[in-house]
N, C-alpha and C. Protein backbone atom coordinates (compact mmCIF):
# COMPACT_ATOMS: atom_id res chain seq x y z
N MET A 1 -44.28 -178.92 207.98
CA MET A 1 -43.41 -179.03 206.84
C MET A 1 -42.75 -177.68 206.53
N GLN A 2 -43.47 -176.56 206.56
CA GLN A 2 -42.90 -175.34 206.31
C GLN A 2 -41.86 -174.92 207.34
N LYS A 3 -42.24 -175.30 208.54
CA LYS A 3 -41.26 -174.99 209.68
C LYS A 3 -39.96 -175.68 209.40
N ILE A 4 -39.95 -176.90 208.96
CA ILE A 4 -38.69 -177.58 208.78
C ILE A 4 -37.88 -176.89 207.65
N MET A 5 -38.65 -176.49 206.61
CA MET A 5 -37.90 -175.76 205.52
C MET A 5 -37.35 -174.43 206.06
N LEU A 6 -37.95 -173.75 206.81
CA LEU A 6 -37.48 -172.51 207.37
C LEU A 6 -36.31 -172.76 208.29
N TYR A 7 -36.40 -173.75 209.05
CA TYR A 7 -35.32 -174.12 209.97
C TYR A 7 -34.03 -174.52 209.11
N LYS A 8 -34.25 -175.19 208.09
CA LYS A 8 -33.20 -175.64 207.23
C LYS A 8 -32.54 -174.40 206.53
N LEU A 9 -33.40 -173.52 206.06
CA LEU A 9 -32.92 -172.27 205.46
C LEU A 9 -32.07 -171.50 206.45
N GLN A 10 -32.57 -171.42 207.64
CA GLN A 10 -31.77 -170.65 208.69
C GLN A 10 -30.38 -171.26 208.95
N LEU A 11 -30.40 -172.60 209.00
CA LEU A 11 -29.11 -173.28 209.29
C LEU A 11 -28.14 -172.98 207.98
N ASP A 12 -28.68 -173.09 206.85
CA ASP A 12 -27.90 -172.81 205.65
C ASP A 12 -27.31 -171.39 205.68
N TRP A 13 -28.26 -170.53 206.06
CA TRP A 13 -27.83 -169.06 206.09
C TRP A 13 -26.70 -168.88 207.11
N GLN A 14 -26.74 -169.55 208.25
CA GLN A 14 -25.79 -169.38 209.29
C GLN A 14 -24.48 -169.96 208.85
N MET A 15 -24.54 -171.13 208.19
CA MET A 15 -23.35 -171.75 207.66
C MET A 15 -22.74 -170.91 206.64
N TRP A 16 -23.53 -170.26 205.76
CA TRP A 16 -22.94 -169.44 204.79
C TRP A 16 -22.33 -168.24 205.34
N LEU A 17 -22.93 -167.63 206.31
CA LEU A 17 -22.30 -166.52 207.06
C LEU A 17 -20.99 -166.85 207.73
N MET A 18 -21.00 -167.96 208.37
CA MET A 18 -19.70 -168.44 208.98
C MET A 18 -18.59 -168.62 207.91
N HIS A 19 -19.10 -169.28 206.92
CA HIS A 19 -18.07 -169.49 205.86
C HIS A 19 -17.50 -168.29 205.28
N ASN A 20 -18.35 -167.21 205.09
CA ASN A 20 -17.93 -165.99 204.59
C ASN A 20 -16.91 -165.27 205.59
N ARG A 21 -17.24 -165.39 206.85
CA ARG A 21 -16.38 -164.82 207.81
C ARG A 21 -15.01 -165.46 207.75
N THR A 22 -14.93 -166.80 207.67
CA THR A 22 -13.53 -167.45 207.62
C THR A 22 -12.88 -166.99 206.34
N LEU A 23 -13.63 -166.83 205.21
CA LEU A 23 -13.05 -166.41 203.98
C LEU A 23 -12.46 -165.03 204.15
N ILE A 24 -13.12 -164.13 204.86
CA ILE A 24 -12.75 -162.78 205.08
C ILE A 24 -11.43 -162.84 205.86
N LYS A 25 -11.45 -163.65 206.87
CA LYS A 25 -10.18 -163.70 207.70
C LYS A 25 -9.02 -164.20 206.86
N GLN A 26 -9.32 -165.19 205.99
CA GLN A 26 -8.20 -165.73 205.13
C GLN A 26 -7.67 -164.79 204.21
N LYS A 27 -8.64 -164.27 203.36
CA LYS A 27 -8.14 -163.36 202.16
C LYS A 27 -8.92 -161.99 202.37
N SER A 28 -8.63 -161.31 203.46
CA SER A 28 -9.30 -160.00 203.59
C SER A 28 -8.98 -159.05 202.62
N ASN A 29 -7.90 -159.18 201.97
CA ASN A 29 -7.45 -158.16 200.95
C ASN A 29 -8.25 -158.36 199.69
N ASN A 30 -8.49 -159.59 199.30
CA ASN A 30 -9.11 -159.87 197.98
C ASN A 30 -10.66 -159.83 198.12
N PHE A 31 -11.20 -159.85 199.33
CA PHE A 31 -12.63 -159.92 199.39
C PHE A 31 -13.33 -158.59 199.11
N PRO A 32 -14.36 -158.54 198.32
CA PRO A 32 -15.14 -157.24 198.17
C PRO A 32 -15.98 -157.00 199.39
N LEU A 33 -15.47 -156.11 200.23
CA LEU A 33 -16.15 -155.88 201.44
C LEU A 33 -17.48 -155.10 201.17
N ASN A 34 -17.54 -154.42 200.09
CA ASN A 34 -18.84 -153.62 199.77
C ASN A 34 -20.04 -154.50 199.75
N SER A 35 -19.83 -155.69 199.16
CA SER A 35 -20.94 -156.63 199.05
C SER A 35 -21.42 -157.08 200.38
N LEU A 36 -20.51 -157.19 201.32
CA LEU A 36 -20.86 -157.54 202.70
C LEU A 36 -21.69 -156.42 203.43
N ASN A 37 -21.35 -155.25 203.19
CA ASN A 37 -22.04 -154.15 203.84
C ASN A 37 -23.50 -154.22 203.49
N ASN A 38 -23.86 -154.75 202.35
CA ASN A 38 -25.27 -154.76 201.95
C ASN A 38 -26.08 -155.71 202.90
N PHE A 39 -25.46 -156.68 203.41
CA PHE A 39 -26.08 -157.65 204.21
C PHE A 39 -26.31 -157.23 205.65
N ARG A 40 -25.62 -156.24 206.12
CA ARG A 40 -25.75 -155.81 207.42
C ARG A 40 -26.99 -154.94 207.70
C-alpha cells in the first residue's frame, strides 16, 4: 500500500516538474526563477 502511494507521489512530482518546465519556456520573463533554484 505504501509503495503505491510513494509511486503515485513520484509520478505527481514528475508531472509537476514537467509542467513547471513548460511554464518556464512559455513565460520565462514572468516566472520567479528564485523559487526554482530552491528545488535544485
